[in-house]
Amino acid sequence: MSIRTLRAGEDVPAGEPARYRNSTGYVRLRWLIAPGEYVEVYEHRFVAGMPDEDLHVHHRNRARDDNSPENLLVLTAEEHARLHAEEDREMFAERKAARNGFRSVAAQRKAERAASRRAAIHARSLRMRAMYEAGANTTEVARAFGVDASRVSVHLRRVGTTMRSRWTR
């Protein structure tokens, strides 16, 4: 079996073509022209009038399988690249705004997890401060929270606690 591409200016084979959707979503038309020999072309290029190979066919609504004539626009490679850059800039700005300014959803989730951890540490430090201000010493606070006593003063200072002198009681 051999399959070749239908070129611009070449006669279109007679008969109804088979339609195939490729892995990227574009539709290909394929005609049997001889036993085991086929010719095929992208449907959007066919509908757009078989422009030369150096021209691109743009889908206005970005739906690769919507090959209606009003959805297709024939452009040079430079015009096509410029059009996509403009559309993409707007689309990416909208998506970035939806992600609260983060470059990716992964970056947003990572920042959210970090903020959650900071909030949990802050809440824990506030609970330590309440116990410390109720009269417990740093060793008792450490035992209650399962941390080393040397870390308790770090937590307490983080939430603005004025430490008591160990020599004054």
Protein backbone atom coordinates (compact mmCIF):
# COMPACT_ATOMS: atom_id res chain seq x y z
CA MET A 1 0.00 0.00 0.00
CA SER A 2 1.36 3.43 -0.86
CA ILE A 3 -0.07 6.78 0.24
CA ARG A 4 1.04 10.11 -1.18
CA THR A 5 -0.12 13.67 -0.64
CA LEU A 6 -2.33 15.43 -3.17
CA ARG A 7 -0.45 18.51 -4.41
CA ALA A 8 -1.81 21.97 -5.21
CA GLY A 9 -2.97 22.13 -8.86
CA GLU A 10 -3.31 18.33 -9.12
CA ASP A 11 -6.68 16.95 -10.24
CA VAL A 12 -8.91 15.73 -7.44
CA PRO A 13 -9.69 12.01 -7.78
CA ALA A 14 -13.26 11.00 -8.55
CA GLY A 15 -15.45 9.51 -5.89
CA GLU A 16 -16.12 10.10 -2.25
CA PRO A 17 -12.97 10.19 -0.05
CA ALA A 18 -12.61 8.36 3.24
CA ARG A 19 -12.25 10.70 6.24
CA TYR A 20 -9.67 10.06 8.97
CA ARG A 21 -8.94 12.10 12.06
CA ASN A 22 -5.24 12.06 12.95
CA SER A 23 -3.76 12.12 16.46
CA THR A 24 -3.58 15.94 16.50
CA GLY A 25 -7.26 16.37 15.62
CA TYR A 26 -6.97 17.30 11.93
CA VAL A 27 -9.16 15.51 9.36
CA ARG A 28 -7.51 13.85 6.36
CA LEU A 29 -9.30 12.91 3.16
CA ARG A 30 -8.08 9.78 1.33
CA TRP A 31 -8.99 8.53 -2.14
CA LEU A 32 -8.20 5.13 -3.65
CA ILE A 33 -6.63 5.86 -7.06
CA ALA A 34 -5.36 2.38 -7.94
CA PRO A 35 -5.19 -1.01 -6.22
CA GLY A 36 -3.10 -0.41 -3.08
CA GLU A 37 -2.42 3.22 -4.06
CA TYR A 38 -3.96 6.18 -2.26
CA VAL A 39 -3.75 9.95 -2.37
CA GLU A 40 -4.69 12.10 0.61
CA VAL A 41 -4.86 15.72 1.76
CA TYR A 42 -5.87 17.60 4.90
CA GLU A 43 -9.55 18.48 4.66
CA HIS A 44 -8.98 22.11 5.67
CA ARG A 45 -6.51 22.61 2.80
CA PHE A 46 -8.96 20.96 0.39
CA VAL A 47 -11.88 23.15 1.52
CA ALA A 48 -9.69 26.28 1.34
CA GLY A 49 -9.05 25.62 -2.37
CA MET A 50 -5.74 23.71 -2.22
CA PRO A 51 -3.40 26.67 -1.62
CA ASP A 52 0.31 26.34 -2.42
CA GLU A 53 2.44 24.45 0.12
CA ASP A 54 4.09 27.66 1.35
CA LEU A 55 0.69 29.00 2.51
CA HIS A 56 -0.98 28.03 5.78
CA VAL A 57 -4.68 27.49 6.50
CA HIS A 58 -5.80 28.89 9.87
CA HIS A 59 -8.87 27.70 11.78
CA ARG A 60 -10.46 30.88 13.15
CA ASN A 61 -12.18 29.10 16.03
CA ARG A 62 -9.15 26.84 16.67
CA ALA A 63 -11.30 23.72 16.21
CA ARG A 64 -9.12 21.56 13.99
CA ASP A 65 -12.03 19.47 12.77
CA ASP A 66 -14.28 22.45 11.89
CA ASN A 67 -13.45 22.80 8.21
CA SER A 68 -16.35 25.00 7.15
CA PRO A 69 -15.22 27.64 4.61
CA GLU A 70 -16.14 30.56 6.89
CA ASN A 71 -13.85 29.13 9.61
CA LEU A 72 -10.78 28.90 7.36
CA LEU A 73 -8.33 31.65 6.50
CA VAL A 74 -5.38 31.27 4.08
CA LEU A 75 -2.26 33.08 5.33
CA THR A 76 1.48 33.25 4.76
CA ALA A 77 3.63 31.57 7.39
CA GLU A 78 4.59 34.97 8.85
CA GLU A 79 0.97 36.17 9.02
CA HIS A 80 -0.07 32.89 10.62
CA ALA A 81 2.68 33.09 13.26
CA ARG A 82 1.79 36.73 14.02
CA LEU A 83 -1.92 35.88 14.34
CA HIS A 84 -1.23 33.00 16.74
CA ALA A 85 1.14 35.17 18.79
CA GLU A 86 -1.57 37.80 19.22
CA GLU A 87 -4.27 35.25 20.06
CA ASP A 88 -1.96 33.32 22.37
CA ARG A 89 -0.90 36.47 24.22
CA GLU A 90 -4.55 37.23 25.03
CA MET A 91 -5.35 33.61 25.90
CA PHE A 92 -2.28 33.20 28.14
CA ALA A 93 -3.02 36.51 29.89
CA GLU A 94 -6.55 35.26 30.67
CA ARG A 95 -5.24 31.92 31.91
CA LYS A 96 -2.55 33.60 34.01
CA ALA A 97 -5.17 35.87 35.59
CA ALA A 98 -7.24 32.78 36.41
CA ARG A 99 -4.13 31.32 38.10
CA ASN A 100 -3.70 34.47 40.23
CA GLY A 101 -0.60 35.51 38.30
CA PHE A 102 1.26 32.20 38.54
CA ARG A 103 3.02 30.89 35.42
CA SER A 104 1.46 27.44 35.74
CA VAL A 105 -1.16 25.53 37.69
CA ALA A 106 1.67 23.53 39.28
CA ALA A 107 3.33 26.74 40.51
CA GLN A 108 0.01 27.95 41.88
CA ARG A 109 -0.59 24.69 43.74
CA LYS A 110 2.96 24.70 45.11
CA ALA A 111 2.47 28.25 46.43
CA GLU A 112 -0.88 27.28 47.94
CA ARG A 113 0.71 24.30 49.73
CA ALA A 114 3.49 26.53 51.05
CA ALA A 115 0.96 29.10 52.28
CA SER A 116 -1.01 26.33 53.97
CA ARG A 117 2.15 25.07 55.72
CA ARG A 118 3.00 28.61 56.87
CA ALA A 119 -0.53 29.08 58.20
CA ALA A 120 -0.33 25.77 60.11
CA ILE A 121 3.03 26.75 61.63
CA HIS A 122 1.64 30.16 62.59
CA ALA A 123 -1.42 28.56 64.23
CA ARG A 124 0.85 26.17 66.13
CA SER A 125 3.04 29.07 67.28
CA LEU A 126 -0.07 30.89 68.55
CA ARG A 127 -1.13 27.81 70.53
CA MET A 128 2.40 27.61 72.01
CA ARG A 129 2.20 31.30 72.95
CA ALA A 130 -1.14 30.79 74.70
CA MET A 131 0.34 27.94 76.77
CA TYR A 132 3.52 29.93 77.51
CA GLU A 133 1.58 33.05 78.53
CA ALA A 134 -0.60 30.87 80.78
CA GLY A 135 2.55 30.13 82.81
CA ALA A 136 4.16 27.06 81.23
CA ASN A 137 7.91 27.17 80.65
CA THR A 138 9.57 26.36 77.31
CA THR A 139 10.38 22.79 78.37
CA GLU A 140 6.72 22.11 79.22
CA VAL A 141 5.57 23.69 75.96
CA ALA A 142 8.10 21.59 74.02
CA ARG A 143 6.89 18.39 75.67
CA ALA A 144 3.24 19.25 74.93
CA PHE A 145 3.96 19.91 71.22
CA GLY A 146 6.52 17.14 70.69
CA VAL A 147 9.38 19.44 69.68
CA ASP A 148 12.83 20.14 71.03
CA ALA A 149 12.85 22.82 73.75
CA SER A 150 15.34 24.90 71.76
CA ARG A 151 12.71 25.37 68.99
CA VAL A 152 9.99 26.71 71.30
CA SER A 153 11.55 30.17 71.67
CA VAL A 154 11.84 30.40 67.84
CA HIS A 155 8.10 29.74 67.54
CA LEU A 156 7.26 32.17 70.34
CA ARG A 157 9.38 35.00 68.93
CA ARG A 158 7.85 34.41 65.47
CA VAL A 159 4.46 35.50 66.86
CA GLY A 160 5.88 38.43 68.85
CA THR A 161 6.07 36.89 72.29
CA THR A 162 8.34 38.63 74.78
CA MET A 163 10.35 35.91 76.43
CA ARG A 164 10.57 35.70 80.22
CA SER A 165 13.98 35.58 81.76
CA ARG A 166 14.69 32.16 83.18
CA TRP A 167 16.30 33.79 86.21
CA THR A 168 13.26 35.81 87.24
CA ARG A 169 10.21 34.05 88.58
